[in-house]
Amino acid sequence: MTKEMKADCVILGGGTGGFAAALAAARLGKRVIMTEETDWIGGQLTSQAVPPDEHPWIESFGCTRSYRQFREGIRSYYRRHFPLSAQAYANPLLNPGNGGVSRLCQEPRAALAVLQQMLAPYVHSGRVRILTRHRIESAETEGDRVRSVTVRSSFSGDRCVLTAPYFVDATECGDVLPLTGTEYVTGAESKSQTGEPHALDGAPDPLDMQGFTHCFAMDYLPGEDHTIDKPAQYAFWRAYKADFWPDKLLSWTGVKPNTLEPVQYELFPGTDRYSLFHYRQIADQANFVPGAYDSSITLVNWPQNDYWLGPVFEVDEAERERHLEGARQLSLSLLYWLQTEAPRPDGGQGYPGLRLRPDVVGTEDGLAMYPYIRESRRIRAEFTVVEQHLAANRPDGKSEAYYDSVGIGCYRIDLHPSTAGRTYIDVSSLPFQIPLGSLIPERMENLLPACKNLGVTHITNGCYRLHPVEWNIGEAVGSLISYCLDRDVSPRAVRNGEQELASFQALLRQQGVELEWPVIRAV
């Protein structure tokens, strides 16, 4: 069965950027259709089970108003619905998980609830239609414009043809780009192409991409045995050691990303080693009244379950499935190793009380609904951000100032080990802006990116891919589409027209989007 649906804009992908685009467009009065491959909107925040990676000043400035509303919504959600301790309830900067990675570590289901609340007025009014468990299958174009896309339900198998004046690619891998013939880049560029200090010395490598991770949630009940069945690929992963890794991957030895020196981890706090359980802890038992939680809960997105043996796009379907299954097997093997063989400080082996928590991530197998993909296809844009624009060694100590800024972001250039067998690239960067030119394809007129598929490089993707930046990208794109529809202008005309650009930037400021940073140091 095939049906048709129309809207002012069609957003393919309901992740962090896609959600923000839908919210912005709906808030400005536009009709939106948003598709999502999984059961949950929210992407990194929910279906991928990755607590926010944020900059040091997030509580004061450096994000959009709506992202701040999301963060405060998380705290309010826990205060309203959970039996918090008196101390936690009174803490204005409540961090439900008290994880070390962020000032706000929450359970994926809490993030989902808040996102749904934020969109509720527009969903209930019919202004926003969300098609979960739908994936793009094909697209129809005419010249430099997308005419329609066809999505298919993984539940019913039915197809739906979606038409709109504007389309947004918010998929995790940039899946709309090849289907529409939009020009794009993948993998790692060379120094001769970009001049970036950390680009490849030789030829570019389109299949050299950051590794990805299939996250999972677990808690710990000492004295109990929750050991899973031995994973099918356990023998492989138990023996695996990469050339650039100081020990076997399944060990307590890792690599310090910024120095590449060996580093020793431990599971729970107790020594001078870094506690992995605490790293992305999303529910701290101490934040709740006694008995509310049997244990603290953590999300496992660790060095030991980064998968870098191959990419999941720009390869055939069999290769894609092989790597997706490999990542699943690596994560399950890590859990099994932790439960059965991991050395303990008391001289014993294994923590059988570690319990996989499928309920936390909304799946039957206990792994997140979708893998955490760090790198995507990237549009060939009117303007591409390169390392020189935001490197910490810039003479004036400031990143490139873009006349066409549509937001800001901040994070280190943080690239995980790659599918070409390269180790971390982790270097300081300066707080940066998001140029409108990086959101406009060099040719296509009515297709825009809304996540990590904007005009960045393999290197600068390492700091543009994080939660508040992706949210800002999506919000800018949703606002831009609304502006273009209201004024009957194109995105390209907005960027290249002085008055139009100033008017659009004024709209963004009105909507609570910060366009410039105060003077602060590199991170």
Protein backbone atom coordinates (compact mmCIF):
# COMPACT_ATOMS: atom_id res chain seq x y z
CA MET A 1 0.00 0.00 0.00
CA THR A 2 1.25 3.50 -0.87
CA LYS A 3 -0.21 6.75 0.41
CA GLU A 4 0.73 10.41 0.08
CA MET A 5 1.31 13.16 2.63
CA LYS A 6 2.19 16.84 2.25
CA ALA A 7 3.66 19.46 4.57
CA ASP A 8 5.67 22.69 4.55
CA CYS A 9 8.79 20.70 5.28
CA VAL A 10 9.67 17.03 5.50
CA ILE A 11 12.37 16.07 7.97
CA LEU A 12 13.99 12.70 7.42
CA GLY A 13 15.38 11.59 10.76
CA GLY A 14 14.01 12.33 14.22
CA GLY A 15 17.32 12.56 16.08
CA THR A 16 18.58 15.53 18.06
CA GLY A 17 18.95 17.82 15.03
CA GLY A 18 15.80 16.60 13.31
CA PHE A 19 13.79 17.16 16.48
CA ALA A 20 15.16 20.69 16.89
CA ALA A 21 14.35 21.48 13.25
CA ALA A 22 10.79 20.24 13.68
CA LEU A 23 10.32 22.19 16.89
CA ALA A 24 11.63 25.42 15.36
CA ALA A 25 9.56 25.15 12.19
CA ALA A 26 6.38 24.27 14.10
CA ARG A 27 6.96 27.05 16.61
CA LEU A 28 7.05 29.47 13.67
CA GLY A 29 3.75 28.17 12.31
CA LYS A 30 4.81 25.60 9.73
CA ARG A 31 3.40 22.13 9.07
CA VAL A 32 6.00 19.42 9.54
CA ILE A 33 6.31 15.72 8.79
CA MET A 34 9.21 14.08 10.64
CA THR A 35 10.23 10.46 10.11
CA GLU A 36 12.30 8.31 12.45
CA GLU A 37 13.77 4.83 11.91
CA THR A 38 13.33 3.69 15.52
CA ASP A 39 10.48 3.86 18.02
CA TRP A 40 11.97 6.88 19.80
CA ILE A 41 12.67 10.41 18.60
CA GLY A 42 15.76 12.09 20.04
CA GLY A 43 18.71 10.26 18.51
CA GLN A 44 21.81 10.66 20.66
CA LEU A 45 19.70 11.63 23.66
CA THR A 46 17.37 8.61 23.50
CA SER A 47 17.59 5.82 20.92
CA GLN A 48 21.40 5.91 20.88
CA ALA A 49 21.63 6.19 24.68
CA VAL A 50 24.38 8.82 24.91
CA PRO A 51 24.16 11.41 27.73
CA PRO A 52 24.93 14.94 26.53
CA ASP A 53 28.53 15.90 25.80
CA GLU A 54 28.66 19.60 26.60
CA HIS A 55 31.08 22.47 27.15
CA PRO A 56 32.13 23.90 30.55
CA TRP A 57 29.86 26.97 30.37
CA ILE A 58 26.62 25.23 29.44
CA GLU A 59 24.79 26.28 32.61
CA SER A 60 25.36 29.98 31.84
CA PHE A 61 25.61 30.47 28.07
CA GLY A 62 26.57 28.75 24.85
CA CYS A 63 23.37 27.05 23.66
CA THR A 64 19.97 27.95 22.28
CA ARG A 65 17.03 28.86 24.50
CA SER A 66 15.12 25.74 23.49
CA TYR A 67 18.08 23.48 24.33
CA ARG A 68 18.23 25.15 27.72
CA GLN A 69 14.49 24.50 28.08
CA PHE A 70 15.16 20.85 27.34
CA ARG A 71 17.85 20.71 30.02
CA GLU A 72 15.64 22.39 32.59
CA GLY A 73 12.80 20.13 31.48
CA ILE A 74 14.89 17.11 32.46
CA ARG A 75 15.45 18.48 35.95
CA SER A 76 11.80 19.41 36.31
CA TYR A 77 10.74 15.94 35.12
CA TYR A 78 12.75 14.26 37.86
CA ARG A 79 11.55 16.70 40.51
CA ARG A 80 7.89 16.17 39.57
CA HIS A 81 7.83 12.44 39.09
CA PHE A 82 10.67 10.84 41.08
CA PRO A 83 11.23 10.35 44.81
CA LEU A 84 14.37 12.46 45.02
CA SER A 85 16.29 12.94 48.22
CA ALA A 86 15.79 16.33 49.85
CA GLN A 87 19.29 17.39 48.88
CA ALA A 88 18.85 16.37 45.24
CA TYR A 89 15.43 18.02 44.98
CA ALA A 90 16.83 21.32 46.29
CA ASN A 91 19.84 21.31 43.97
CA PRO A 92 19.16 23.86 41.17
CA LEU A 93 21.79 22.10 39.04
CA LEU A 94 20.41 18.61 39.64
CA ASN A 95 22.33 15.97 37.71
CA PRO A 96 20.19 12.81 37.98
CA GLY A 97 23.05 10.47 37.18
CA ASN A 98 25.97 12.51 38.53
CA GLY A 99 28.00 11.04 35.67
CA GLY A 100 31.44 12.46 35.09
CA VAL A 101 30.89 13.15 31.39
CA SER A 102 28.31 15.91 31.76
CA ARG A 103 26.52 18.25 34.13
CA LEU A 104 23.29 16.57 33.04
CA CYS A 105 23.24 12.77 32.78
CA GLN A 106 19.73 11.35 32.52
CA GLU A 107 17.99 8.16 31.52
CA PRO A 108 17.00 7.92 27.83
CA ARG A 109 13.33 7.49 28.75
CA ALA A 110 13.40 10.76 30.68
CA ALA A 111 14.88 12.57 27.69
CA LEU A 112 12.21 11.04 25.46
CA ALA A 113 9.43 12.16 27.79
CA VAL A 114 10.70 15.75 27.83
CA LEU A 115 11.15 15.88 24.05
CA GLN A 116 7.62 14.59 23.57
CA GLN A 117 6.31 17.21 25.97
CA MET A 118 8.08 19.97 24.06
CA LEU A 119 6.49 18.87 20.77
CA ALA A 120 3.11 17.99 22.29
CA PRO A 121 1.25 21.24 21.45
CA TYR A 122 2.19 20.89 17.78
CA VAL A 123 1.57 17.14 17.59
CA HIS A 124 -1.84 17.50 19.23
CA SER A 125 -2.83 20.34 16.91
CA GLY A 126 -1.78 18.32 13.87
CA ARG A 127 0.96 20.74 12.88
CA VAL A 128 3.62 18.05 13.39
CA ARG A 129 3.21 14.47 12.17
CA ILE A 130 5.78 11.95 13.41
CA LEU A 131 6.23 8.71 11.47
CA THR A 132 8.28 6.39 13.66
CA ARG A 133 9.74 3.16 12.30
CA HIS A 134 9.95 4.72 8.84
CA ARG A 135 13.10 4.82 6.72
CA ILE A 136 13.72 6.64 3.46
CA GLU A 137 13.68 4.31 0.48
CA SER A 138 13.87 6.56 -2.58
CA ALA A 139 13.63 10.15 -3.75
CA GLU A 140 12.44 11.99 -6.84
CA THR A 141 14.27 15.09 -8.02
CA GLU A 142 13.86 17.64 -10.79
CA GLY A 143 16.95 19.64 -11.62
CA ASP A 144 18.33 21.14 -8.43
CA ARG A 145 15.23 20.42 -6.34
CA VAL A 146 13.82 17.47 -4.47
CA ARG A 147 10.21 16.81 -5.47
CA SER A 148 9.35 13.96 -3.12
CA VAL A 149 10.76 11.21 -0.96
CA THR A 150 9.30 7.77 -0.34
CA VAL A 151 9.59 6.22 3.10
CA ARG A 152 8.67 2.71 4.15
CA SER A 153 7.28 1.48 7.45
CA SER A 154 9.33 -1.31 9.01
CA PHE A 155 6.19 -2.33 10.88
CA SER A 156 3.60 -2.64 8.10
CA GLY A 157 5.77 -2.50 5.00
CA ASP A 158 3.55 0.28 3.62
CA ARG A 159 5.11 3.11 1.67
CA CYS A 160 4.35 6.81 1.94
CA VAL A 161 5.26 9.48 -0.62
CA LEU A 162 6.10 12.74 1.13
CA THR A 163 6.06 16.09 -0.67
CA ALA A 164 6.96 19.58 0.56
CA PRO A 165 8.66 22.79 -0.57
CA TYR A 166 11.64 21.86 1.67
CA PHE A 167 13.33 18.66 2.78
CA VAL A 168 15.76 18.14 5.63
CA ASP A 169 18.33 15.37 5.91
CA ALA A 170 18.59 14.64 9.63
CA THR A 171 19.47 10.98 9.21
CA GLU A 172 22.41 9.66 11.18
CA CYS A 173 24.41 8.72 8.08
CA GLY A 174 23.25 11.38 5.60
CA ASP A 175 21.12 8.81 3.77
CA VAL A 176 19.11 11.39 1.84
CA LEU A 177 22.17 12.75 0.04
CA PRO A 178 22.95 9.85 -2.33
CA LEU A 179 19.26 9.19 -3.01
CA THR A 180 18.77 12.78 -4.17
CA GLY A 181 22.05 13.07 -6.06
CA THR A 182 23.25 15.76 -3.67
CA GLU A 183 27.01 16.21 -3.79
CA TYR A 184 28.71 15.00 -0.61
CA VAL A 185 31.99 13.96 0.97
CA THR A 186 32.83 10.98 3.18
CA GLY A 187 35.81 9.92 5.24
CA ALA A 188 39.09 11.72 5.74
CA GLU A 189 40.37 14.53 3.53
CA SER A 190 44.04 15.07 2.73
CA LYS A 191 46.25 18.02 3.66
CA SER A 192 46.42 18.95 -0.02
CA GLN A 193 42.62 19.36 -0.04
CA THR A 194 42.05 21.27 3.21
CA GLY A 195 45.44 22.36 4.53
CA GLU A 196 44.45 21.02 7.95
CA PRO A 197 47.36 20.09 10.23
CA HIS A 198 45.67 16.83 11.26
CA ALA A 199 44.38 15.81 7.83
CA LEU A 200 45.93 12.83 6.01
CA ASP A 201 49.43 13.33 4.64
CA GLY A 202 48.79 11.33 1.49
CA ALA A 203 45.65 10.78 -0.54
CA PRO A 204 42.17 11.25 0.93
CA ASP A 205 40.43 8.11 2.18
CA PRO A 206 36.63 8.17 1.75
CA LEU A 207 36.22 5.08 3.96
CA ASP A 208 38.37 6.35 6.85
CA MET A 209 35.69 7.26 9.39
CA GLN A 210 35.43 7.40 13.15
CA GLY A 211 34.40 4.21 14.86
CA PHE A 212 30.87 3.86 16.17
CA THR A 213 29.47 2.34 19.34
CA HIS A 214 26.46 0.21 20.22
CA CYS A 215 25.71 1.43 23.73
CA PHE A 216 23.88 -0.42 26.50
CA ALA A 217 22.67 0.22 30.03
CA MET A 218 23.55 -1.81 33.12
CA ASP A 219 23.36 -1.65 36.88
CA TYR A 220 25.08 -3.70 39.61
CA LEU A 221 23.54 -6.02 42.18
CA PRO A 222 26.37 -7.59 44.20
CA GLY A 223 25.71 -11.13 45.33
CA GLU A 224 23.46 -11.87 42.36
CA ASP A 225 24.32 -13.55 39.07
CA HIS A 226 23.05 -11.89 35.88
CA THR A 227 25.66 -13.31 33.51
CA ILE A 228 24.45 -13.33 29.92
CA ASP A 229 24.98 -16.18 27.48
CA LYS A 230 28.44 -16.18 25.94
CA PRO A 231 28.25 -14.02 22.77
CA ALA A 232 28.88 -15.78 19.46
CA GLN A 233 31.97 -13.66 18.70
CA TYR A 234 33.38 -13.63 22.23
CA ALA A 235 36.49 -15.63 21.34
CA PHE A 236 37.39 -13.11 18.63
CA TRP A 237 36.87 -10.04 20.78
CA ARG A 238 38.53 -11.60 23.84
CA ALA A 239 41.73 -12.01 21.79
CA TYR A 240 41.50 -8.84 19.70
CA LYS A 241 44.25 -6.21 19.97
CA ALA A 242 44.65 -3.26 17.62
CA ASP A 243 48.15 -2.22 16.55
CA PHE A 244 47.67 1.22 18.11
CA TRP A 245 46.24 -0.11 21.40
CA PRO A 246 48.58 -0.92 24.31
CA ASP A 247 46.75 -4.08 25.38
CA LYS A 248 43.82 -6.24 24.36
CA LEU A 249 40.69 -4.19 23.78
CA LEU A 250 38.85 -6.15 26.50
CA SER A 251 41.09 -5.06 29.36
CA TRP A 252 41.41 -2.23 31.86
CA THR A 253 44.12 -0.60 29.74
CA GLY A 254 43.18 2.14 27.30
CA VAL A 255 44.68 5.17 25.62
CA LYS A 256 44.59 8.75 26.85
CA PRO A 257 43.17 10.48 23.74
CA ASN A 258 45.12 13.75 23.91
CA THR A 259 48.56 12.24 24.67
CA LEU A 260 48.13 8.68 23.32
CA GLU A 261 49.74 7.37 26.51
CA PRO A 262 48.38 4.18 28.11
CA VAL A 263 45.82 4.76 30.85
CA GLN A 264 44.42 2.35 33.44
CA TYR A 265 40.70 2.16 34.17
CA GLU A 266 38.63 0.52 36.88
CA LEU A 267 34.94 -0.32 37.06
CA PHE A 268 33.93 1.42 40.29
CA PRO A 269 35.53 4.39 42.09
CA GLY A 270 38.03 3.38 44.72
CA THR A 271 41.57 3.93 43.51
CA ASP A 272 43.37 6.59 41.51
CA ARG A 273 42.18 4.99 38.27
CA TYR A 274 39.29 6.44 36.25
CA SER A 275 35.95 4.81 37.04
CA LEU A 276 34.16 3.71 33.89
CA PHE A 277 30.89 3.00 35.71
CA HIS A 278 30.82 6.60 36.95
CA TYR A 279 31.79 8.00 33.54
CA ARG A 280 28.32 7.90 31.95
CA GLN A 281 26.23 7.12 35.03
CA ILE A 282 22.64 8.14 34.30
CA ALA A 283 20.93 7.37 37.63
CA ASP A 284 22.76 7.91 40.89
CA GLN A 285 21.12 5.84 43.61
CA ALA A 286 22.13 8.51 46.14
CA ASN A 287 19.91 11.09 44.41
CA PHE A 288 16.76 9.16 45.35
CA VAL A 289 15.11 8.10 48.59
CA PRO A 290 16.32 4.75 49.93
CA GLY A 291 14.76 1.86 48.06
CA ALA A 292 13.73 3.83 44.99
CA TYR A 293 16.54 2.31 42.90
CA ASP A 294 18.14 -1.07 43.50
CA SER A 295 21.37 0.30 42.07
CA SER A 296 22.85 3.21 40.21
CA ILE A 297 22.64 2.80 36.43
CA THR A 298 25.28 3.53 33.82
CA LEU A 299 25.41 3.67 30.03
CA VAL A 300 28.32 1.82 28.48
CA ASN A 301 29.87 4.00 25.81
CA TRP A 302 33.48 3.26 26.65
CA PRO A 303 36.77 2.91 24.75
CA GLN A 304 36.34 -0.86 25.00
CA ASN A 305 33.21 -0.95 22.84
CA ASP A 306 34.20 1.51 20.13
CA TYR A 307 33.93 -0.47 16.87
CA TRP A 308 36.39 0.51 14.13
CA LEU A 309 36.67 -2.54 11.87
CA GLY A 310 34.56 -0.95 9.14
CA PRO A 311 31.96 1.70 8.26
CA VAL A 312 28.20 1.25 7.98
CA PHE A 313 27.62 3.39 4.89
CA GLU A 314 29.28 3.66 1.48
CA VAL A 315 29.50 -0.14 1.62
CA ASP A 316 27.10 -2.79 0.35
CA GLU A 317 24.27 -4.10 2.53
CA ALA A 318 26.06 -7.31 3.47
CA GLU A 319 29.12 -5.36 4.63
CA ARG A 320 26.95 -2.91 6.53
CA GLU A 321 25.16 -5.72 8.35
CA ARG A 322 28.46 -7.43 9.14
CA HIS A 323 29.80 -4.33 10.86
CA LEU A 324 26.54 -3.58 12.67
CA GLU A 325 26.53 -7.14 14.04
CA GLY A 326 30.22 -6.84 14.88
CA ALA A 327 29.52 -3.76 16.99
CA ARG A 328 26.66 -5.54 18.76
CA GLN A 329 28.87 -8.53 19.44
CA LEU A 330 31.67 -6.31 20.76
CA SER A 331 29.34 -4.64 23.27
CA LEU A 332 27.88 -7.96 24.42
CA SER A 333 31.39 -9.41 24.64
CA LEU A 334 32.49 -6.49 26.80
CA LEU A 335 29.59 -7.13 29.16
CA TYR A 336 30.33 -10.86 29.30
CA TRP A 337 34.02 -10.15 29.99
CA LEU A 338 33.05 -7.75 32.78
CA GLN A 339 30.76 -10.36 34.29
CA THR A 340 33.16 -13.31 34.04
CA GLU A 341 36.81 -12.38 33.58
CA ALA A 342 37.50 -8.72 34.42
CA PRO A 343 40.19 -8.48 37.12
CA ARG A 344 38.87 -7.05 40.40
CA PRO A 345 40.87 -5.01 42.95
CA ASP A 346 40.46 -7.86 45.48
CA GLY A 347 42.29 -10.26 43.17
CA GLY A 348 39.16 -12.04 41.95
CA GLN A 349 37.65 -12.10 38.47
CA GLY A 350 34.36 -10.89 37.10
CA TYR A 351 31.32 -9.00 38.34
CA PRO A 352 28.38 -11.37 37.77
CA GLY A 353 26.08 -8.88 39.53
CA LEU A 354 26.26 -6.56 36.54
CA ARG A 355 22.76 -6.61 35.08
CA LEU A 356 21.84 -5.68 31.52
CA ARG A 357 18.88 -3.26 31.55
CA PRO A 358 16.81 -3.64 28.36
CA ASP A 359 14.00 -1.55 29.90
CA VAL A 360 16.26 1.49 30.15
CA VAL A 361 16.92 1.56 26.40
CA GLY A 362 13.55 0.21 25.29
CA THR A 363 14.73 -2.95 23.54
CA GLU A 364 14.54 -6.70 24.03
CA ASP A 365 18.25 -7.44 23.64
CA GLY A 366 19.41 -4.70 26.04
CA LEU A 367 21.40 -2.77 23.43
CA ALA A 368 20.37 0.73 22.36
CA MET A 369 17.81 0.97 19.55
CA TYR A 370 20.40 2.47 17.22
CA PRO A 371 24.21 2.62 17.25
CA TYR A 372 25.94 5.86 18.13
CA ILE A 373 27.27 6.97 14.73
CA ARG A 374 29.91 9.68 15.10
CA GLU A 375 30.48 10.50 11.44
CA SER A 376 28.16 10.94 8.48
CA ARG A 377 28.14 11.78 4.83
CA ARG A 378 28.72 15.55 4.64
CA ILE A 379 27.31 17.94 2.07
CA ARG A 380 29.58 19.79 -0.30
CA ALA A 381 28.56 23.18 0.99
CA GLU A 382 28.85 26.81 0.01
CA PHE A 383 31.30 27.07 2.90
CA THR A 384 33.24 24.32 4.67
CA VAL A 385 34.61 24.67 8.20
CA VAL A 386 38.23 23.52 8.46
CA GLU A 387 40.58 23.03 11.40
CA GLN A 388 42.34 26.35 10.81
CA HIS A 389 39.10 28.20 11.58
CA LEU A 390 38.98 27.03 15.20
CA ALA A 391 42.37 25.64 16.17
CA ALA A 392 43.52 26.66 19.63
CA ASN A 393 46.81 28.04 18.26
CA ARG A 394 45.19 30.85 16.28
CA PRO A 395 47.21 34.04 16.90
CA ASP A 396 44.33 36.10 18.30
CA GLY A 397 42.97 33.28 20.47
CA LYS A 398 39.58 33.49 18.75
CA SER A 399 37.94 31.22 16.22
CA GLU A 400 37.00 32.49 12.76
CA ALA A 401 34.24 35.09 12.95
CA TYR A 402 31.56 34.28 10.38
CA TYR A 403 29.40 37.10 9.07
CA ASP A 404 26.65 34.55 8.48
CA SER A 405 26.66 32.93 11.94
CA VAL A 406 23.48 31.04 12.83
CA GLY A 407 24.63 29.69 16.19
CA ILE A 408 27.55 28.63 18.32
CA GLY A 409 29.19 25.52 19.70
CA CYS A 410 32.16 24.37 21.70
CA TYR A 411 33.97 21.08 22.11
CA ARG A 412 37.44 19.69 21.61
CA ILE A 413 38.30 18.20 18.23
CA ASP A 414 37.59 14.68 19.43
CA LEU A 415 37.97 11.92 16.85
CA HIS A 416 37.78 8.31 18.00
CA PRO A 417 39.89 5.55 16.43
CA SER A 418 39.00 5.13 12.79
CA THR A 419 38.06 2.44 10.35
CA ALA A 420 41.48 2.88 8.70
CA GLY A 421 43.20 1.80 11.91
CA ARG A 422 44.21 5.27 13.05
CA THR A 423 44.21 6.15 16.73
CA TYR A 424 42.58 9.14 18.45
CA ILE A 425 42.89 12.70 17.22
CA ASP A 426 42.13 14.84 20.26
CA VAL A 427 43.27 18.45 20.22
CA SER A 428 42.11 21.72 21.76
CA SER A 429 39.79 23.99 19.85
CA LEU A 430 38.29 27.42 20.35
CA PRO A 431 34.60 28.14 20.93
CA PHE A 432 33.20 28.45 17.42
CA GLN A 433 30.27 29.67 15.36
CA ILE A 434 28.06 27.78 12.92
CA PRO A 435 28.18 29.52 9.52
CA LEU A 436 25.01 29.50 7.45
CA GLY A 437 27.15 28.67 4.42
CA SER A 438 27.93 25.28 5.94
CA LEU A 439 24.20 24.43 5.88
CA ILE A 440 23.63 25.20 2.19
CA PRO A 441 24.53 22.59 -0.44
CA GLU A 442 26.59 23.88 -3.33
CA ARG A 443 23.83 23.00 -5.82
CA MET A 444 20.58 21.69 -4.32
CA GLU A 445 18.07 24.41 -3.52
CA ASN A 446 15.50 22.85 -1.18
CA LEU A 447 17.43 20.21 0.75
CA LEU A 448 19.23 21.16 3.97
CA PRO A 449 21.28 19.20 6.54
CA ALA A 450 20.30 19.20 10.22
CA CYS A 451 23.00 17.28 12.07
CA LYS A 452 26.60 16.18 11.52
CA ASN A 453 26.10 16.12 7.72
CA LEU A 454 26.76 19.85 7.31
CA GLY A 455 29.77 21.40 5.57
CA VAL A 456 32.56 20.27 7.88
CA THR A 457 35.58 18.03 7.37
CA HIS A 458 36.55 14.72 8.93
CA ILE A 459 38.56 16.79 11.42
CA THR A 460 36.04 19.51 12.30
CA ASN A 461 33.24 16.96 12.49
CA GLY A 462 35.04 16.02 15.71
CA CYS A 463 33.71 19.12 17.46
CA TYR A 464 30.52 19.87 15.48
CA ARG A 465 28.89 16.49 16.19
CA LEU A 466 27.96 16.95 19.86
CA HIS A 467 24.47 17.30 21.33
CA PRO A 468 24.02 21.09 21.81
CA VAL A 469 25.71 21.84 18.48
CA GLU A 470 23.54 19.38 16.58
CA TRP A 471 20.47 20.86 18.28
CA ASN A 472 21.54 24.37 17.21
CA ILE A 473 22.13 23.21 13.63
CA GLY A 474 18.66 21.69 13.49
CA GLU A 475 17.03 24.73 15.06
CA ALA A 476 18.74 27.06 12.58
CA VAL A 477 17.58 24.91 9.66
CA GLY A 478 13.96 24.73 10.88
CA SER A 479 13.95 28.50 11.38
CA LEU A 480 15.54 29.08 7.97
CA ILE A 481 12.86 27.04 6.22
CA SER A 482 10.12 28.99 7.94
CA TYR A 483 11.80 32.28 7.07
CA CYS A 484 12.20 31.31 3.41
CA LEU A 485 8.56 30.25 3.12
CA ASP A 486 7.34 33.47 4.73
CA ARG A 487 9.53 35.70 2.55
CA ASP A 488 9.47 33.60 -0.64
CA VAL A 489 13.27 33.55 -0.81
CA SER A 490 15.77 30.72 -1.07
CA PRO A 491 18.27 29.74 1.64
CA ARG A 492 21.06 30.75 -0.72
CA ALA A 493 19.51 34.18 -1.18
CA VAL A 494 19.26 34.61 2.58
CA ARG A 495 22.95 33.96 3.03
CA ASN A 496 24.06 36.10 0.10
CA GLY A 497 21.73 39.04 0.63
CA GLU A 498 22.86 41.51 3.27
CA GLN A 499 19.38 42.62 4.31
CA GLU A 500 17.88 39.14 4.20
CA LEU A 501 20.71 37.74 6.30
CA ALA A 502 20.40 40.49 8.89
CA SER A 503 16.65 39.92 9.07
CA PHE A 504 17.08 36.16 9.47
CA GLN A 505 19.73 36.56 12.15
CA ALA A 506 17.37 38.90 13.99
CA LEU A 507 14.73 36.17 13.89
CA LEU A 508 17.20 33.68 15.33
CA ARG A 509 18.10 36.03 18.17
CA GLN A 510 14.42 36.56 18.85
CA GLN A 511 14.01 32.79 19.10
CA GLY A 512 16.84 32.58 21.62
CA VAL A 513 19.70 31.47 19.38
CA GLU A 514 23.07 32.89 20.45
CA LEU A 515 25.18 33.91 17.46
CA GLU A 516 28.43 35.01 19.14
CA TRP A 517 30.59 33.88 22.03
CA PRO A 518 31.93 36.10 24.77
CA VAL A 519 35.71 36.07 25.01
CA ILE A 520 36.72 32.75 26.59
CA ARG A 521 39.59 30.30 26.33
CA ALA A 522 40.05 27.16 24.26
CA VAL A 523 38.91 23.74 25.48
